[in-house]
Amino acid sequence: MAEPIRVLVTGAAGQIAYSLLYSIAKGDVFGKDQPIILVLLDIPPMLPVLDGVVMELQDCALPLLREVIPTDKVEVGFKELDAAILVGSMPRKEGMERKDLLKANVAIFKTQGAALEKYAKKTVKVLVVGNPANTNCLIASKSAPSIPKENFSCLTRLDHNRARSQVAIRVGVTSEKVKNVIIWGNHSSTQYPDVHHSTVSLNGKEVPAYDAVKDDSWLKGDFITTVQQRGAAVIKARKLSSAMSAAKAICDHMRDIWFGTPDGEFVSMGIYSSGNSYGVPDDLMYSFPVTIKNKSWKVVDGLPINDFSRGKMDATAAELIEERDTALSFLGV
């Protein structure tokens, strides 16, 4: 058996973590022969709840789960990590300005970035889920200068999965028949779900998504807004945010980092923008199409971008620039 890896989940007493931890501990993410030490970090008031989560993980009797470490201390939580899944963040409360939300989260992710810098392995792979995920991820990476920027990513796989599923439902196929959808930009309502480069497998043939759907006005209208606003729609229906689908997307994202993407397929993830063929400004965490091999991602370059897409990609970049500049002003940078 391999040596155990240390995997941190923050916000570990929350509902996304509750849907996530079993899949990680069971081997669905890092492999069926990879033992795991699970480190669960949350704030002090949540420690009693965390004890209940630990009991349940013990009661699952999972052979790969070597140890569970619940803690509210960063020096314990971030020590010698192989992977960090940063789910915990300050949620937006009613009447809260976006700026106030940013300010609270800058403080959290500056602390967590500094803890990664001080205690984690330099090879650690960091996935930021807590919103605003792109900017939180940027702040964490800037606070951990000796960890390569390429090791940080933020979650847009949930949006990617939503887009894939919407096309599949529309065409009447299962979702694995839909390949290479793209989420560009921010994990917010300005994100751009793009299927110009996507294909659908119909009767054994790969058909461009626009030809399979045969409804351009839906693809350029309701499809985009449905994906952009899906999180809000789930909250309205459930009175709780999407936890099951978010946990599934986290598993997809981390498994692809660990084991790579299938040949001929790309996925969406928020990564550090530095020199790309799409004119996306540098120094942002922006969602691109990527392929992954040997735990390293590579942007899928050179896809043709039409005017419709260009406008959408620029709009979400503008929002990210504004978020970044506001966040950096709180850092005093």
Protein backbone atom coordinates (compact mmCIF):
# COMPACT_ATOMS: atom_id res chain seq x y z
CA MET A 1 0.00 0.00 0.00
CA ALA A 2 1.07 3.54 -0.72
CA GLU A 3 2.01 5.97 2.04
CA PRO A 4 -1.04 7.92 3.31
CA ILE A 5 -1.61 11.41 1.91
CA ARG A 6 -2.80 14.30 4.06
CA VAL A 7 -5.96 15.96 2.75
CA LEU A 8 -7.44 19.06 4.40
CA VAL A 9 -11.07 20.11 4.10
CA THR A 10 -11.97 23.48 5.64
CA GLY A 11 -15.52 24.40 6.59
CA ALA A 12 -15.57 20.72 7.54
CA ALA A 13 -18.69 20.93 9.71
CA GLY A 14 -20.68 22.50 6.87
CA GLN A 15 -23.10 20.91 4.44
CA ILE A 16 -20.82 20.75 1.36
CA ALA A 17 -18.20 18.94 3.43
CA TYR A 18 -20.88 16.57 4.73
CA SER A 19 -21.60 15.54 1.13
CA LEU A 20 -17.89 15.45 0.24
CA LEU A 21 -16.01 13.65 3.01
CA TYR A 22 -17.42 10.17 2.42
CA SER A 23 -16.39 10.20 -1.26
CA ILE A 24 -12.84 11.27 -0.39
CA ALA A 25 -12.49 8.76 2.45
CA LYS A 26 -13.89 5.94 0.30
CA GLY A 27 -11.27 6.40 -2.42
CA ASP A 28 -13.38 8.01 -5.15
CA VAL A 29 -11.01 10.97 -5.52
CA PHE A 30 -7.39 10.00 -4.86
CA GLY A 31 -7.63 6.34 -5.85
CA LYS A 32 -8.80 3.00 -4.51
CA ASP A 33 -5.37 2.09 -3.16
CA GLN A 34 -4.41 5.46 -1.65
CA PRO A 35 -4.70 5.63 2.15
CA ILE A 36 -5.80 9.00 3.50
CA ILE A 37 -5.33 11.11 6.59
CA LEU A 38 -8.30 13.50 6.64
CA VAL A 39 -7.76 16.81 8.37
CA LEU A 40 -10.98 18.67 9.18
CA LEU A 41 -10.69 22.38 9.97
CA ASP A 42 -13.47 24.65 11.16
CA ILE A 43 -14.05 27.59 13.49
CA PRO A 44 -14.21 26.96 17.29
CA PRO A 45 -18.04 27.18 17.61
CA MET A 46 -18.36 24.33 15.07
CA LEU A 47 -16.08 21.87 16.91
CA PRO A 48 -18.97 19.99 18.63
CA VAL A 49 -20.59 19.47 15.21
CA LEU A 50 -17.23 18.36 13.83
CA ASP A 51 -17.04 15.69 16.54
CA GLY A 52 -20.28 14.26 15.14
CA VAL A 53 -18.80 14.21 11.64
CA VAL A 54 -15.74 12.36 12.96
CA MET A 55 -18.00 9.78 14.65
CA GLU A 56 -19.82 9.19 11.38
CA LEU A 57 -16.59 8.80 9.40
CA GLN A 58 -15.42 6.24 11.97
CA ASP A 59 -18.78 4.48 11.70
CA CYS A 60 -18.41 4.17 7.92
CA ALA A 61 -15.56 1.69 8.64
CA LEU A 62 -13.59 2.74 5.55
CA PRO A 63 -10.35 0.79 4.93
CA LEU A 64 -8.48 3.69 3.28
CA LEU A 65 -9.18 6.17 6.07
CA ARG A 66 -6.13 5.94 8.34
CA GLU A 67 -6.83 8.90 10.60
CA VAL A 68 -9.27 11.79 11.04
CA ILE A 69 -7.95 14.96 12.68
CA PRO A 70 -10.57 17.56 13.68
CA THR A 71 -9.10 20.96 14.59
CA ASP A 72 -9.64 24.72 14.76
CA LYS A 73 -5.90 25.47 14.63
CA VAL A 74 -4.15 26.34 11.35
CA GLU A 75 -0.80 24.95 12.50
CA VAL A 76 -2.48 21.53 12.87
CA GLY A 77 -4.78 21.90 9.85
CA PHE A 78 -2.18 22.91 7.26
CA LYS A 79 0.75 20.74 8.38
CA GLU A 80 2.48 18.70 5.64
CA LEU A 81 -0.54 18.75 3.31
CA ASP A 82 -0.70 16.98 -0.05
CA ALA A 83 -4.09 18.47 -0.91
CA ALA A 84 -6.16 21.31 0.53
CA ILE A 85 -9.84 21.81 -0.29
CA LEU A 86 -10.82 25.21 1.05
CA VAL A 87 -14.60 25.08 1.33
CA GLY A 88 -15.06 27.36 4.33
CA SER A 89 -15.69 31.05 3.71
CA MET A 90 -17.84 33.87 5.03
CA PRO A 91 -21.26 33.44 3.40
CA ARG A 92 -23.14 36.45 2.11
CA LYS A 93 -25.78 37.52 4.60
CA GLU A 94 -28.94 39.42 3.72
CA GLY A 95 -28.30 43.12 3.19
CA MET A 96 -24.54 42.57 2.98
CA GLU A 97 -22.65 44.57 0.37
CA ARG A 98 -20.41 42.54 -1.94
CA LYS A 99 -17.52 44.74 -0.77
CA ASP A 100 -18.09 43.73 2.87
CA LEU A 101 -18.18 40.10 1.81
CA LEU A 102 -14.88 40.52 -0.01
CA LYS A 103 -13.29 42.20 2.99
CA ALA A 104 -14.25 39.37 5.35
CA ASN A 105 -13.00 36.73 2.92
CA VAL A 106 -9.72 38.50 2.16
CA ALA A 107 -8.90 38.19 5.88
CA ILE A 108 -9.77 34.47 5.90
CA PHE A 109 -7.84 33.56 2.75
CA LYS A 110 -4.84 35.68 3.62
CA THR A 111 -4.57 33.68 6.86
CA GLN A 112 -5.05 30.36 5.07
CA GLY A 113 -2.54 31.28 2.35
CA ALA A 114 0.00 32.22 5.01
CA ALA A 115 -0.66 28.89 6.77
CA LEU A 116 -0.11 26.99 3.50
CA GLU A 117 3.15 28.89 3.05
CA LYS A 118 4.34 28.08 6.56
CA TYR A 119 3.14 24.51 7.15
CA ALA A 120 2.10 22.70 3.93
CA LYS A 121 4.27 20.84 1.43
CA LYS A 122 5.41 23.04 -1.48
CA THR A 123 3.82 20.46 -3.80
CA VAL A 124 0.37 20.86 -2.21
CA LYS A 125 -2.59 21.13 -4.61
CA VAL A 126 -5.04 23.75 -3.39
CA LEU A 127 -8.66 23.95 -4.51
CA VAL A 128 -10.69 26.98 -3.39
CA VAL A 129 -14.45 26.46 -3.24
CA GLY A 130 -15.59 29.15 -0.77
CA ASN A 131 -17.03 32.20 -2.55
CA PRO A 132 -16.06 34.54 -4.10
CA ALA A 133 -13.90 31.57 -5.13
CA ASN A 134 -11.74 33.13 -7.87
CA THR A 135 -10.66 36.13 -5.82
CA ASN A 136 -10.31 34.09 -2.60
CA CYS A 137 -8.01 31.77 -4.55
CA LEU A 138 -5.94 34.69 -5.84
CA ILE A 139 -5.52 36.09 -2.30
CA ALA A 140 -4.51 32.66 -0.93
CA SER A 141 -1.91 32.20 -3.68
CA LYS A 142 -0.46 35.69 -3.18
CA SER A 143 -0.19 34.91 0.54
CA ALA A 144 1.82 31.74 -0.22
CA PRO A 145 4.55 33.05 -2.54
CA SER A 146 6.80 29.97 -2.32
CA ILE A 147 4.03 27.60 -3.52
CA PRO A 148 3.77 27.69 -7.32
CA LYS A 149 0.75 29.65 -8.59
CA GLU A 150 -0.04 26.64 -10.81
CA ASN A 151 -0.83 24.63 -7.65
CA PHE A 152 -3.85 26.83 -6.91
CA SER A 153 -7.20 26.47 -8.63
CA CYS A 154 -10.80 27.39 -7.91
CA LEU A 155 -13.97 25.45 -8.58
CA THR A 156 -15.87 26.10 -11.81
CA ARG A 157 -16.43 22.38 -12.41
CA LEU A 158 -19.92 22.66 -10.91
CA ASP A 159 -20.80 25.22 -13.59
CA HIS A 160 -19.12 22.99 -16.19
CA ASN A 161 -21.20 20.00 -15.06
CA ARG A 162 -24.37 22.11 -15.07
CA ALA A 163 -23.69 23.24 -18.65
CA ARG A 164 -22.93 19.70 -19.79
CA SER A 165 -26.10 18.38 -18.21
CA GLN A 166 -28.33 21.13 -19.65
CA VAL A 167 -27.15 20.32 -23.18
CA ALA A 168 -27.56 16.58 -22.58
CA ILE A 169 -31.13 17.00 -21.29
CA ARG A 170 -32.00 19.26 -24.23
CA VAL A 171 -30.70 16.76 -26.80
CA GLY A 172 -32.03 13.72 -24.93
CA VAL A 173 -28.74 11.95 -24.26
CA THR A 174 -26.80 11.11 -21.09
CA SER A 175 -24.29 13.70 -19.93
CA GLU A 176 -21.13 11.72 -20.74
CA LYS A 177 -22.12 12.03 -24.41
CA VAL A 178 -21.53 15.80 -24.17
CA LYS A 179 -17.85 16.80 -24.29
CA ASN A 180 -15.75 19.95 -24.06
CA VAL A 181 -18.15 22.56 -22.76
CA ILE A 182 -16.25 25.56 -21.37
CA ILE A 183 -16.84 27.89 -18.45
CA TRP A 184 -14.94 31.14 -18.97
CA GLY A 185 -14.17 33.60 -16.19
CA ASN A 186 -15.65 34.09 -12.76
CA HIS A 187 -17.69 31.66 -10.68
CA SER A 188 -20.48 34.23 -10.52
CA SER A 189 -23.46 35.26 -12.59
CA THR A 190 -21.08 36.82 -15.17
CA GLN A 191 -19.49 33.44 -16.00
CA TYR A 192 -19.76 32.48 -19.67
CA PRO A 193 -20.85 28.88 -20.41
CA ASP A 194 -19.64 28.29 -23.98
CA VAL A 195 -20.56 25.32 -26.18
CA HIS A 196 -19.08 26.58 -29.48
CA HIS A 197 -16.31 23.96 -29.14
CA SER A 198 -18.44 21.25 -27.59
CA THR A 199 -19.56 18.02 -29.24
CA VAL A 200 -22.42 15.62 -28.61
CA SER A 201 -22.14 11.91 -29.39
CA LEU A 202 -25.24 11.02 -31.44
CA ASN A 203 -25.60 7.52 -32.93
CA GLY A 204 -21.86 6.97 -32.61
CA LYS A 205 -20.94 10.25 -34.33
CA GLU A 206 -19.41 13.36 -32.72
CA VAL A 207 -21.73 16.23 -33.69
CA PRO A 208 -21.06 19.91 -32.85
CA ALA A 209 -23.30 20.95 -29.95
CA TYR A 210 -24.96 23.74 -32.00
CA ASP A 211 -25.94 21.16 -34.67
CA ALA A 212 -27.16 18.65 -32.07
CA VAL A 213 -29.27 21.17 -30.13
CA LYS A 214 -30.59 22.92 -33.28
CA ASP A 215 -31.72 25.95 -31.31
CA ASP A 216 -29.18 28.79 -31.44
CA SER A 217 -31.41 31.26 -29.61
CA TRP A 218 -31.69 28.87 -26.62
CA LEU A 219 -27.91 28.27 -26.58
CA LYS A 220 -27.22 32.02 -26.67
CA GLY A 221 -30.01 32.91 -24.23
CA ASP A 222 -31.81 30.70 -21.71
CA PHE A 223 -29.05 28.08 -21.63
CA ILE A 224 -26.50 30.67 -20.52
CA THR A 225 -28.74 32.30 -17.90
CA THR A 226 -29.86 28.90 -16.53
CA VAL A 227 -26.24 27.89 -15.88
CA GLN A 228 -25.28 31.34 -14.56
CA GLN A 229 -28.17 31.43 -12.09
CA ARG A 230 -28.46 27.75 -11.22
CA GLY A 231 -27.00 28.19 -7.73
CA ALA A 232 -29.62 30.82 -6.88
CA ALA A 233 -32.38 28.58 -8.29
CA VAL A 234 -31.28 25.69 -6.03
CA ILE A 235 -31.23 27.98 -2.97
CA LYS A 236 -34.72 29.25 -3.84
CA ALA A 237 -36.03 25.69 -4.10
CA ARG A 238 -34.13 24.00 -1.24
CA LYS A 239 -33.63 27.00 1.06
CA LEU A 240 -30.05 25.68 1.20
CA SER A 241 -27.18 25.98 -1.24
CA SER A 242 -26.22 23.20 -3.66
CA ALA A 243 -24.14 20.79 -1.58
CA MET A 244 -24.49 17.40 -3.27
CA SER A 245 -23.65 18.75 -6.74
CA ALA A 246 -20.87 20.97 -5.38
CA ALA A 247 -19.30 17.98 -3.60
CA LYS A 248 -19.51 15.91 -6.80
CA ALA A 249 -17.81 18.72 -8.74
CA ILE A 250 -15.03 18.98 -6.13
CA CYS A 251 -14.44 15.22 -6.50
CA ASP A 252 -14.34 15.53 -10.31
CA HIS A 253 -11.91 18.47 -10.14
CA MET A 254 -9.47 16.87 -7.69
CA ARG A 255 -9.61 13.44 -9.36
CA ASP A 256 -8.72 15.05 -12.70
CA ILE A 257 -5.77 16.84 -11.09
CA TRP A 258 -4.57 13.54 -9.60
CA PHE A 259 -5.20 11.27 -12.60
CA GLY A 260 -5.44 13.60 -15.62
CA THR A 261 -8.12 14.30 -18.20
CA PRO A 262 -9.14 11.74 -20.85
CA ASP A 263 -7.53 12.09 -24.30
CA GLY A 264 -9.38 14.56 -26.48
CA GLU A 265 -11.31 16.06 -23.58
CA PHE A 266 -10.88 19.25 -21.61
CA VAL A 267 -12.46 20.53 -18.41
CA SER A 268 -13.01 23.96 -16.86
CA MET A 269 -11.16 25.25 -13.84
CA GLY A 270 -10.25 28.63 -12.42
CA ILE A 271 -6.49 29.02 -12.76
CA TYR A 272 -3.87 31.75 -12.66
CA SER A 273 -3.90 33.78 -15.85
CA SER A 274 -0.44 34.60 -17.16
CA GLY A 275 -0.04 34.85 -20.90
CA ASN A 276 -2.72 33.09 -22.94
CA SER A 277 -4.02 33.21 -26.50
CA TYR A 278 -7.42 34.60 -25.45
CA GLY A 279 -6.44 38.10 -24.36
CA VAL A 280 -7.48 37.43 -20.76
CA PRO A 281 -5.62 39.90 -18.50
CA ASP A 282 -2.79 38.57 -16.34
CA ASP A 283 -2.91 38.20 -12.55
CA LEU A 284 -6.47 36.91 -12.29
CA MET A 285 -7.87 33.53 -11.30
CA TYR A 286 -9.97 32.98 -14.43
CA SER A 287 -11.75 29.84 -15.59
CA PHE A 288 -10.25 28.36 -18.77
CA PRO A 289 -10.55 25.08 -20.65
CA VAL A 290 -7.62 22.90 -19.55
CA THR A 291 -6.14 19.47 -20.05
CA ILE A 292 -4.29 17.83 -17.15
CA LYS A 293 -1.38 15.42 -17.20
CA ASN A 294 1.06 14.44 -14.42
CA LYS A 295 -0.84 16.72 -12.01
CA SER A 296 -0.12 19.78 -14.21
CA TRP A 297 -2.74 21.68 -16.18
CA LYS A 298 -2.31 23.26 -19.57
CA VAL A 299 -4.70 25.81 -21.10
CA VAL A 300 -6.30 24.61 -24.34
CA ASP A 301 -4.96 27.39 -26.56
CA GLY A 302 -6.01 28.63 -29.97
CA LEU A 303 -9.74 27.89 -29.97
CA PRO A 304 -11.45 30.37 -32.33
CA ILE A 305 -13.47 33.00 -30.42
CA ASN A 306 -16.34 34.80 -32.14
CA ASP A 307 -17.60 38.29 -31.29
CA PHE A 308 -20.47 36.96 -29.16
CA SER A 309 -18.03 34.96 -27.00
CA ARG A 310 -15.47 37.77 -26.87
CA GLY A 311 -17.98 40.16 -25.31
CA LYS A 312 -18.98 37.64 -22.65
CA MET A 313 -15.36 36.71 -21.85
CA ASP A 314 -14.41 40.38 -21.48
CA ALA A 315 -17.38 41.15 -19.21
CA THR A 316 -16.49 38.43 -16.70
CA ALA A 317 -12.80 39.48 -16.80
CA ALA A 318 -13.85 43.07 -15.99
CA GLU A 319 -15.73 41.83 -12.91
CA LEU A 320 -12.69 39.82 -11.79
CA ILE A 321 -10.38 42.84 -12.21
CA GLU A 322 -12.71 44.92 -10.05
CA GLU A 323 -12.90 42.17 -7.40
CA ARG A 324 -9.13 41.73 -7.41
CA ASP A 325 -8.41 45.44 -7.07
CA THR A 326 -10.92 45.81 -4.22
CA ALA A 327 -9.48 42.75 -2.46
CA LEU A 328 -5.90 43.96 -2.85
CA SER A 329 -6.86 47.35 -1.41
CA PHE A 330 -7.97 45.51 1.76
CA LEU A 331 -4.63 43.69 1.83
CA GLY A 332 -2.87 47.03 1.66
CA VAL A 333 -1.01 45.92 -1.48
